[in-house]
Amino acid sequence: MNRTFVSLGSWLAFLAVALGAFGTHALKGQISEANLAIWHTGTEYHLVHAVALVLVGLLSAHADNEMTRRSGWLFATGIVIFGGSLYALALTDIKVLGAITPVGGLCFLSGWLFLALGSQKSGT
């Protein structure tokens, strides 16, 4: 087991739930419905990939290799870039921030690819 990924994923999942609650309760009526939807998308992808990060940490007990570890770092990086850019966009309405979001999406896609390849490499 990779405790770094389990711990990091757990903290990031905690943060995703907190940010989701903040968006639902504190931001409603403060930002537009469109920006609330952007916030929701950020928290949804944030939470899914935080759980994926925990799973990478657990999977590493059976498939501890460079590809599996890279998948974890790509998920974490994707959360920061994808979620972070959407949170900032929702709060500031600075549209250029939306141009950063796909970089985070590519990190997520790459993370899933590396996880698939890493698990095959180890025979799990």
Protein backbone atom coordinates (compact mmCIF):
# COMPACT_ATOMS: atom_id res chain seq x y z
CA MET A 1 0.00 0.00 0.00
CA ASN A 2 1.18 3.50 -0.80
CA ARG A 3 0.22 5.53 2.27
CA THR A 4 1.07 8.83 0.57
CA PHE A 5 -1.64 8.31 -2.06
CA VAL A 6 -4.18 6.99 0.46
CA SER A 7 -3.59 9.96 2.76
CA LEU A 8 -3.47 12.56 -0.02
CA GLY A 9 -6.59 11.13 -1.65
CA SER A 10 -8.43 11.11 1.67
CA TRP A 11 -7.56 14.73 2.37
CA LEU A 12 -8.51 15.75 -1.16
CA ALA A 13 -11.85 13.89 -0.83
CA PHE A 14 -12.48 15.74 2.45
CA LEU A 15 -11.73 19.02 0.67
CA ALA A 16 -14.04 18.11 -2.24
CA VAL A 17 -16.95 17.47 0.12
CA ALA A 18 -16.23 20.71 2.00
CA LEU A 19 -16.05 22.69 -1.24
CA GLY A 20 -19.26 21.06 -2.48
CA ALA A 21 -21.06 22.07 0.71
CA PHE A 22 -19.58 25.56 0.50
CA GLY A 23 -20.84 25.91 -3.06
CA THR A 24 -24.31 24.68 -2.18
CA HIS A 25 -24.77 26.74 0.97
CA ALA A 26 -22.50 29.78 0.84
CA LEU A 27 -22.31 30.54 -2.86
CA LYS A 28 -25.99 30.07 -3.75
CA GLY A 29 -27.33 33.53 -4.50
CA GLN A 30 -23.82 34.98 -4.48
CA ILE A 31 -22.78 33.80 -7.95
CA SER A 32 -24.79 33.03 -11.07
CA GLU A 33 -26.47 29.68 -11.66
CA ALA A 34 -24.05 29.09 -14.54
CA ASN A 35 -21.10 29.64 -12.23
CA LEU A 36 -22.67 27.36 -9.61
CA ALA A 37 -22.84 24.67 -12.29
CA ILE A 38 -19.14 25.23 -13.03
CA TRP A 39 -18.38 24.92 -9.30
CA HIS A 40 -20.40 21.70 -9.15
CA THR A 41 -18.46 20.23 -12.09
CA GLY A 42 -15.20 21.06 -10.31
CA THR A 43 -16.28 19.35 -7.09
CA GLU A 44 -17.63 16.31 -8.92
CA TYR A 45 -14.40 15.61 -10.81
CA HIS A 46 -12.38 16.54 -7.73
CA LEU A 47 -14.17 13.94 -5.58
CA VAL A 48 -14.10 11.17 -8.18
CA HIS A 49 -10.37 11.55 -8.68
CA ALA A 50 -9.64 11.86 -4.96
CA VAL A 51 -11.29 8.45 -4.52
CA ALA A 52 -9.29 7.17 -7.50
CA LEU A 53 -6.14 8.38 -5.74
CA VAL A 54 -7.06 6.37 -2.63
CA LEU A 55 -7.61 3.33 -4.86
CA VAL A 56 -4.20 3.84 -6.47
CA GLY A 57 -2.68 3.81 -3.00
CA LEU A 58 -4.46 0.58 -2.14
CA LEU A 59 -3.70 -1.03 -5.52
CA SER A 60 -0.02 -0.32 -5.07
CA ALA A 61 0.10 -3.23 -2.61
CA HIS A 62 -0.29 -5.47 -5.68
CA ALA A 63 0.92 -3.29 -8.54
CA ASP A 64 3.70 -1.07 -7.23
CA ASN A 65 5.42 0.19 -10.36
CA GLU A 66 6.30 3.47 -12.03
CA MET A 67 3.11 3.59 -14.12
CA THR A 68 0.84 3.09 -11.12
CA ARG A 69 2.70 5.76 -9.14
CA ARG A 70 2.50 8.16 -12.09
CA SER A 71 -1.24 7.62 -12.27
CA GLY A 72 -1.53 8.80 -8.67
CA TRP A 73 0.48 11.95 -9.28
CA LEU A 74 -1.48 12.65 -12.47
CA PHE A 75 -4.78 12.35 -10.57
CA ALA A 76 -3.51 14.73 -7.88
CA THR A 77 -2.21 17.20 -10.46
CA GLY A 78 -5.46 16.98 -12.40
CA ILE A 79 -7.45 17.84 -9.28
CA VAL A 80 -5.36 20.95 -8.72
CA ILE A 81 -5.46 22.13 -12.33
CA PHE A 82 -8.96 21.02 -13.38
CA GLY A 83 -10.72 21.71 -10.11
CA GLY A 84 -8.66 24.78 -9.28
CA SER A 85 -9.30 26.44 -12.62
CA LEU A 86 -13.05 25.76 -12.39
CA TYR A 87 -13.26 27.04 -8.81
CA ALA A 88 -11.40 30.19 -9.80
CA LEU A 89 -13.55 30.63 -12.93
CA ALA A 90 -16.76 30.26 -10.92
CA LEU A 91 -15.65 32.82 -8.34
CA THR A 92 -14.07 35.39 -10.63
CA ASP A 93 -15.90 34.90 -13.94
CA ILE A 94 -12.55 35.39 -15.71
CA LYS A 95 -13.23 33.33 -18.82
CA VAL A 96 -9.58 32.74 -19.77
CA LEU A 97 -9.31 30.44 -16.73
CA GLY A 98 -11.46 27.97 -18.66
CA ALA A 99 -8.57 27.52 -21.08
CA ILE A 100 -6.51 25.91 -18.30
CA THR A 101 -9.16 23.32 -17.41
CA PRO A 102 -8.42 20.93 -20.32
CA VAL A 103 -4.84 20.52 -19.07
CA GLY A 104 -6.29 19.06 -15.88
CA GLY A 105 -8.57 16.88 -17.97
CA LEU A 106 -5.55 15.54 -19.84
CA CYS A 107 -3.94 14.73 -16.48
CA PHE A 108 -7.06 12.74 -15.54
CA LEU A 109 -7.08 10.88 -18.85
CA SER A 110 -3.37 10.15 -18.60
CA GLY A 111 -3.82 9.00 -15.00
CA TRP A 112 -6.46 6.46 -16.04
CA LEU A 113 -4.25 5.27 -18.92
CA PHE A 114 -1.22 4.86 -16.67
CA LEU A 115 -3.34 3.06 -14.07
CA ALA A 116 -4.59 0.60 -16.69
CA LEU A 117 -1.11 -0.01 -18.05
CA GLY A 118 0.44 -0.23 -14.59
CA SER A 119 -2.08 -2.78 -13.39
CA GLN A 120 -1.57 -4.91 -16.53
CA LYS A 121 2.19 -4.71 -16.14
CA SER A 122 1.96 -6.20 -12.67
CA GLY A 123 -0.47 -8.92 -13.71
CA THR A 124 -3.30 -7.69 -11.47
